[in-house]
Amino acid sequence: MRRSIGSANTLHEAILKTLPRVIFAFILVSSLVAGCGHDLNTAQGVAEEFVDQHYVYIDIQKAKQYAVGLALVKLNEEIRLIAGQRIDVSTQKPKVNYSLLEKKESPDRASFLYEGTIRSDDGSTFTRKWLIAARKEGNQWRVSNFSESD
């Protein structure tokens, strides 16, 4: 089947008309995906990033980036306790979801109570509560303490 020059021009015009919409949609979706991270300029954003790194991804080294004081001491102790344990990409990690139950905020201190649901590969599920305390260090929020309870 042969196309006439007129239909080729029409196709070209159609592409030129829809291309800006496609580019706009791509930029919009990209910005929404990029915007899904936590706002690290807020106490809650830092607390949730800490919870993600410590409890969801089980990456204590990354969690240390958001910690000061007693929280940092506790993380270093956890690292010491698991030294020699092989934890890598093949290690089975549980699936962890959490939600915010309560928050208390002031200009330089905040606390957040989260409830986490942990699902292991064997199908068992249990919940934990995590209390995360944060304080403002200069212009940045940092986790100053954390605790876990049933």
C-alpha atoms as a PDB file:
ATOM      1  CA  MET A   1       0.000   0.000   0.000  1.00  0.00           C
ATOM      2  CA  ARG A   2       1.365   3.349  -0.967  1.00  0.00           C
ATOM      3  CA  ARG A   3       0.729   6.492   0.950  1.00  0.00           C
ATOM      4  CA  SER A   4       0.205   9.737  -0.739  1.00  0.00           C
ATOM      5  CA  ILE A   5       2.211  12.777   0.235  1.00  0.00           C
ATOM      6  CA  GLY A   6      -0.908  14.304   1.688  1.00  0.00           C
ATOM      7  CA  SER A   7      -1.384  11.464   4.206  1.00  0.00           C
ATOM      8  CA  ALA A   8       2.296  11.647   5.196  1.00  0.00           C
ATOM      9  CA  ASN A   9       1.891  15.345   5.912  1.00  0.00           C
ATOM     10  CA  THR A  10      -1.255  14.631   7.940  1.00  0.00           C
ATOM     11  CA  LEU A  11       0.602  11.985   9.949  1.00  0.00           C
ATOM     12  CA  HIS A  12       3.477  14.391  10.532  1.00  0.00           C
ATOM     13  CA  GLU A  13       1.067  17.099  11.667  1.00  0.00           C
ATOM     14  CA  ALA A  14      -0.698  14.667  14.018  1.00  0.00           C
ATOM     15  CA  ILE A  15       2.609  13.689  15.594  1.00  0.00           C
ATOM     16  CA  LEU A  16       3.586  17.334  16.051  1.00  0.00           C
ATOM     17  CA  LYS A  17       0.227  18.078  17.672  1.00  0.00           C
ATOM     18  CA  THR A  18       0.380  15.170  20.170  1.00  0.00           C
ATOM     19  CA  LEU A  19       4.100  15.329  20.977  1.00  0.00           C
ATOM     20  CA  PRO A  20       3.811  18.302  23.387  1.00  0.00           C
ATOM     21  CA  ARG A  21       1.044  16.460  25.288  1.00  0.00           C
ATOM     22  CA  VAL A  22       3.167  13.307  25.520  1.00  0.00           C
ATOM     23  CA  ILE A  23       6.173  15.296  26.755  1.00  0.00           C
ATOM     24  CA  PHE A  24       3.996  17.140  29.306  1.00  0.00           C
ATOM     25  CA  ALA A  25       2.541  13.851  30.575  1.00  0.00           C
ATOM     26  CA  PHE A  26       6.040  12.361  30.894  1.00  0.00           C
ATOM     27  CA  ILE A  27       7.279  15.388  32.861  1.00  0.00           C
ATOM     28  CA  LEU A  28       4.207  15.321  35.096  1.00  0.00           C
ATOM     29  CA  VAL A  29       4.550  11.609  35.879  1.00  0.00           C
ATOM     30  CA  SER A  30       8.297  11.986  36.449  1.00  0.00           C
ATOM     31  CA  SER A  31       7.799  14.840  38.904  1.00  0.00           C
ATOM     32  CA  LEU A  32       5.111  12.928  40.785  1.00  0.00           C
ATOM     33  CA  VAL A  33       7.347   9.882  41.127  1.00  0.00           C
ATOM     34  CA  ALA A  34      10.319  12.012  42.204  1.00  0.00           C
ATOM     35  CA  GLY A  35       8.107  13.828  44.703  1.00  0.00           C
ATOM     36  CA  CYS A  36       7.187  10.646  46.560  1.00  0.00           C
ATOM     37  CA  GLY A  37      10.180  10.940  48.886  1.00  0.00           C
ATOM     38  CA  HIS A  38      10.008  12.395  52.369  1.00  0.00           C
ATOM     39  CA  ASP A  39      10.509  16.107  52.978  1.00  0.00           C
ATOM     40  CA  LEU A  40      13.786  16.027  54.889  1.00  0.00           C
ATOM     41  CA  ASN A  41      13.280  19.648  55.955  1.00  0.00           C
ATOM     42  CA  THR A  42      10.533  18.539  58.350  1.00  0.00           C
ATOM     43  CA  ALA A  43      10.674  16.514  61.547  1.00  0.00           C
ATOM     44  CA  GLN A  44       8.096  14.062  60.217  1.00  0.00           C
ATOM     45  CA  GLY A  45       9.937  13.635  56.914  1.00  0.00           C
ATOM     46  CA  VAL A  46      13.195  12.809  58.706  1.00  0.00           C
ATOM     47  CA  ALA A  47      11.398  10.464  61.140  1.00  0.00           C
ATOM     48  CA  GLU A  48       9.758   8.589  58.268  1.00  0.00           C
ATOM     49  CA  GLU A  49      12.998   8.352  56.305  1.00  0.00           C
ATOM     50  CA  PHE A  50      14.627   6.918  59.441  1.00  0.00           C
ATOM     51  CA  VAL A  51      11.784   4.391  59.837  1.00  0.00           C
ATOM     52  CA  ASP A  52      12.117   3.430  56.168  1.00  0.00           C
ATOM     53  CA  GLN A  53      15.868   2.865  56.402  1.00  0.00           C
ATOM     54  CA  HIS A  54      15.892   1.192  59.813  1.00  0.00           C
ATOM     55  CA  TYR A  55      12.725  -0.910  59.806  1.00  0.00           C
ATOM     56  CA  VAL A  56      11.581  -1.255  56.181  1.00  0.00           C
ATOM     57  CA  TYR A  57      14.880  -1.589  54.276  1.00  0.00           C
ATOM     58  CA  ILE A  58      16.908  -2.759  57.298  1.00  0.00           C
ATOM     59  CA  ASP A  59      19.791  -0.508  56.281  1.00  0.00           C
ATOM     60  CA  ILE A  60      21.282   0.671  59.562  1.00  0.00           C
ATOM     61  CA  GLN A  61      24.143   2.516  57.888  1.00  0.00           C
ATOM     62  CA  LYS A  62      21.676   4.694  55.967  1.00  0.00           C
ATOM     63  CA  ALA A  63      19.541   5.180  59.078  1.00  0.00           C
ATOM     64  CA  LYS A  64      22.632   6.604  60.810  1.00  0.00           C
ATOM     65  CA  GLN A  65      22.571   9.543  58.379  1.00  0.00           C
ATOM     66  CA  TYR A  66      19.421  10.796  60.122  1.00  0.00           C
ATOM     67  CA  ALA A  67      20.470  10.092  63.725  1.00  0.00           C
ATOM     68  CA  VAL A  68      22.214  11.985  66.521  1.00  0.00           C
ATOM     69  CA  GLY A  69      22.770  11.431  70.224  1.00  0.00           C
ATOM     70  CA  LEU A  70      21.227   8.366  71.796  1.00  0.00           C
ATOM     71  CA  ALA A  71      19.713   7.227  68.489  1.00  0.00           C
ATOM     72  CA  LEU A  72      23.185   7.103  66.964  1.00  0.00           C
ATOM     73  CA  VAL A  73      24.527   5.188  69.991  1.00  0.00           C
ATOM     74  CA  LYS A  74      21.717   2.626  69.637  1.00  0.00           C
ATOM     75  CA  LEU A  75      22.344   2.181  65.912  1.00  0.00           C
ATOM     76  CA  ASN A  76      26.073   1.675  66.494  1.00  0.00           C
ATOM     77  CA  GLU A  77      25.230  -0.960  69.114  1.00  0.00           C
ATOM     78  CA  GLU A  78      22.941  -2.736  66.634  1.00  0.00           C
ATOM     79  CA  ILE A  79      25.774  -2.744  64.101  1.00  0.00           C
ATOM     80  CA  ARG A  80      28.103  -4.226  66.710  1.00  0.00           C
ATOM     81  CA  LEU A  81      25.579  -6.940  67.605  1.00  0.00           C
ATOM     82  CA  ILE A  82      25.092  -8.073  64.016  1.00  0.00           C
ATOM     83  CA  ALA A  83      28.788  -7.902  63.100  1.00  0.00           C
ATOM     84  CA  GLY A  84      29.788 -11.137  61.410  1.00  0.00           C
ATOM     85  CA  GLN A  85      26.221 -11.917  60.347  1.00  0.00           C
ATOM     86  CA  ARG A  86      25.914 -12.187  56.601  1.00  0.00           C
ATOM     87  CA  ILE A  87      23.171  -9.836  55.467  1.00  0.00           C
ATOM     88  CA  ASP A  88      23.043  -9.189  51.736  1.00  0.00           C
ATOM     89  CA  VAL A  89      20.603  -9.122  48.807  1.00  0.00           C
ATOM     90  CA  SER A  90      19.906 -12.844  49.206  1.00  0.00           C
ATOM     91  CA  THR A  91      18.827 -12.401  52.845  1.00  0.00           C
ATOM     92  CA  GLN A  92      15.067 -12.795  53.209  1.00  0.00           C
ATOM     93  CA  LYS A  93      13.696  -9.531  54.532  1.00  0.00           C
ATOM     94  CA  PRO A  94      10.171  -9.155  55.869  1.00  0.00           C
ATOM     95  CA  LYS A  95       7.602  -6.906  54.229  1.00  0.00           C
ATOM     96  CA  VAL A  96       6.986  -3.895  56.450  1.00  0.00           C
ATOM     97  CA  ASN A  97       4.198  -1.323  56.255  1.00  0.00           C
ATOM     98  CA  TYR A  98       3.573   1.390  58.810  1.00  0.00           C
ATOM     99  CA  SER A  99       1.231   4.218  59.626  1.00  0.00           C
ATOM    100  CA  LEU A 100       1.416   7.279  61.838  1.00  0.00           C
ATOM    101  CA  LEU A 101      -0.668   6.956  65.003  1.00  0.00           C
ATOM    102  CA  GLU A 102       0.275  10.131  66.855  1.00  0.00           C
ATOM    103  CA  LYS A 103       2.516  13.154  66.560  1.00  0.00           C
ATOM    104  CA  LYS A 104       3.604  15.936  68.884  1.00  0.00           C
ATOM    105  CA  GLU A 105       5.553  18.850  67.473  1.00  0.00           C
ATOM    106  CA  SER A 106       7.161  22.003  68.791  1.00  0.00           C
ATOM    107  CA  PRO A 107       9.572  24.369  67.013  1.00  0.00           C
ATOM    108  CA  ASP A 108      12.688  22.361  67.956  1.00  0.00           C
ATOM    109  CA  ARG A 109      11.457  18.927  69.130  1.00  0.00           C
ATOM    110  CA  ALA A 110       8.960  16.379  67.872  1.00  0.00           C
ATOM    111  CA  SER A 111       7.849  12.828  68.511  1.00  0.00           C
ATOM    112  CA  PHE A 112       6.021  10.398  66.266  1.00  0.00           C
ATOM    113  CA  LEU A 113       4.358   7.119  67.140  1.00  0.00           C
ATOM    114  CA  TYR A 114       4.092   4.649  64.281  1.00  0.00           C
ATOM    115  CA  GLU A 115       2.525   1.227  64.089  1.00  0.00           C
ATOM    116  CA  GLY A 116       4.328  -1.198  61.837  1.00  0.00           C
ATOM    117  CA  THR A 117       2.959  -4.416  60.395  1.00  0.00           C
ATOM    118  CA  ILE A 118       5.649  -6.974  59.660  1.00  0.00           C
ATOM    119  CA  ARG A 119       4.985  -9.940  57.359  1.00  0.00           C
ATOM    120  CA  SER A 120       7.602 -12.660  57.105  1.00  0.00           C
ATOM    121  CA  ASP A 121       8.037 -15.123  54.254  1.00  0.00           C
ATOM    122  CA  ASP A 122       6.508 -17.942  56.302  1.00  0.00           C
ATOM    123  CA  GLY A 123       3.210 -16.025  56.335  1.00  0.00           C
ATOM    124  CA  SER A 124       3.305 -14.879  59.957  1.00  0.00           C
ATOM    125  CA  THR A 125       2.320 -11.295  60.715  1.00  0.00           C
ATOM    126  CA  PHE A 126       2.865  -9.193  63.794  1.00  0.00           C
ATOM    127  CA  THR A 127       2.767  -5.526  64.750  1.00  0.00           C
ATOM    128  CA  ARG A 128       5.167  -3.248  66.568  1.00  0.00           C
ATOM    129  CA  LYS A 129       4.957   0.339  67.701  1.00  0.00           C
ATOM    130  CA  TRP A 130       7.902   2.643  67.088  1.00  0.00           C
ATOM    131  CA  LEU A 131       8.335   5.882  68.997  1.00  0.00           C
ATOM    132  CA  ILE A 132      10.666   8.241  67.149  1.00  0.00           C
ATOM    133  CA  ALA A 133      11.949  11.420  68.823  1.00  0.00           C
ATOM    134  CA  ALA A 134      13.465  14.153  66.686  1.00  0.00           C
ATOM    135  CA  ARG A 135      15.185  17.428  67.427  1.00  0.00           C
ATOM    136  CA  LYS A 136      16.357  20.314  65.341  1.00  0.00           C
ATOM    137  CA  GLU A 137      20.127  20.529  64.974  1.00  0.00           C
ATOM    138  CA  GLY A 138      20.875  23.913  63.403  1.00  0.00           C
ATOM    139  CA  ASN A 139      18.595  23.975  60.365  1.00  0.00           C
ATOM    140  CA  GLN A 140      18.227  20.197  60.087  1.00  0.00           C
ATOM    141  CA  TRP A 141      15.969  17.731  61.840  1.00  0.00           C
ATOM    142  CA  ARG A 142      17.579  14.559  63.202  1.00  0.00           C
ATOM    143  CA  VAL A 143      16.281  11.517  65.065  1.00  0.00           C
ATOM    144  CA  SER A 144      17.546  11.772  68.638  1.00  0.00           C
ATOM    145  CA  ASN A 145      16.006   8.586  70.059  1.00  0.00           C
ATOM    146  CA  PHE A 146      13.821   5.671  69.089  1.00  0.00           C
ATOM    147  CA  SER A 147      12.176   2.758  70.860  1.00  0.00           C
ATOM    148  CA  GLU A 148      10.095  -0.248  69.940  1.00  0.00           C
ATOM    149  CA  SER A 149       7.245  -1.911  71.796  1.00  0.00           C
ATOM    150  CA  ASP A 150       4.595  -4.562  71.230  1.00  0.00           C
END
